[in-house]
């Protein structure tokens, strides 16, 4: 696998194999595409009861969706789910990783806790597992380029057929 550079990313977009909607060419960096935080988040409901982690456990049973109209105060040690404004469609020979942007990581904002991999063949908005690992609260604002998508060619072709393949909402 090899990381795609700006010229290859733009070619994939121009030829229609890679799709980002909405798209602004200024989002493409040297070897990644910046993605923006959408207008909704999902927060964990704190009812003091432990959440049992089993195969059947569904995160939706322990969270609620909130509109992100202005900002959200993310307290230290708290994790929320954000979702990108952009809808990303990858062909069967590209995969990627969501990475935080260093300007926000240096403030203590983690963009993904453990599931940064973007499968080949997905066509969805990307969920961001955002955590504050700093000692101060962070104000999370919609429309900010909070993460970057690093793309790679796969060795072979595959199409993700899982639960989140066509995810449109958080």
Foldseek 3Di string as FASTA:
>chain_A
DDWDFLVVVVVCVVVPQKDKPPDDSVQHDGGWGFFFWAFKKKFFDPPPDDQDDDPPGDSVVGIDMDTQPFWDWAAAPGKMKTWTPMWIFHAFFKKWFKAWDVVVVVQQKGFADPPGIGHHGATEIDITTIHGNDNGIDIGGGPDRGIIIIMDTHPDGDHDPDDCRYYYDD
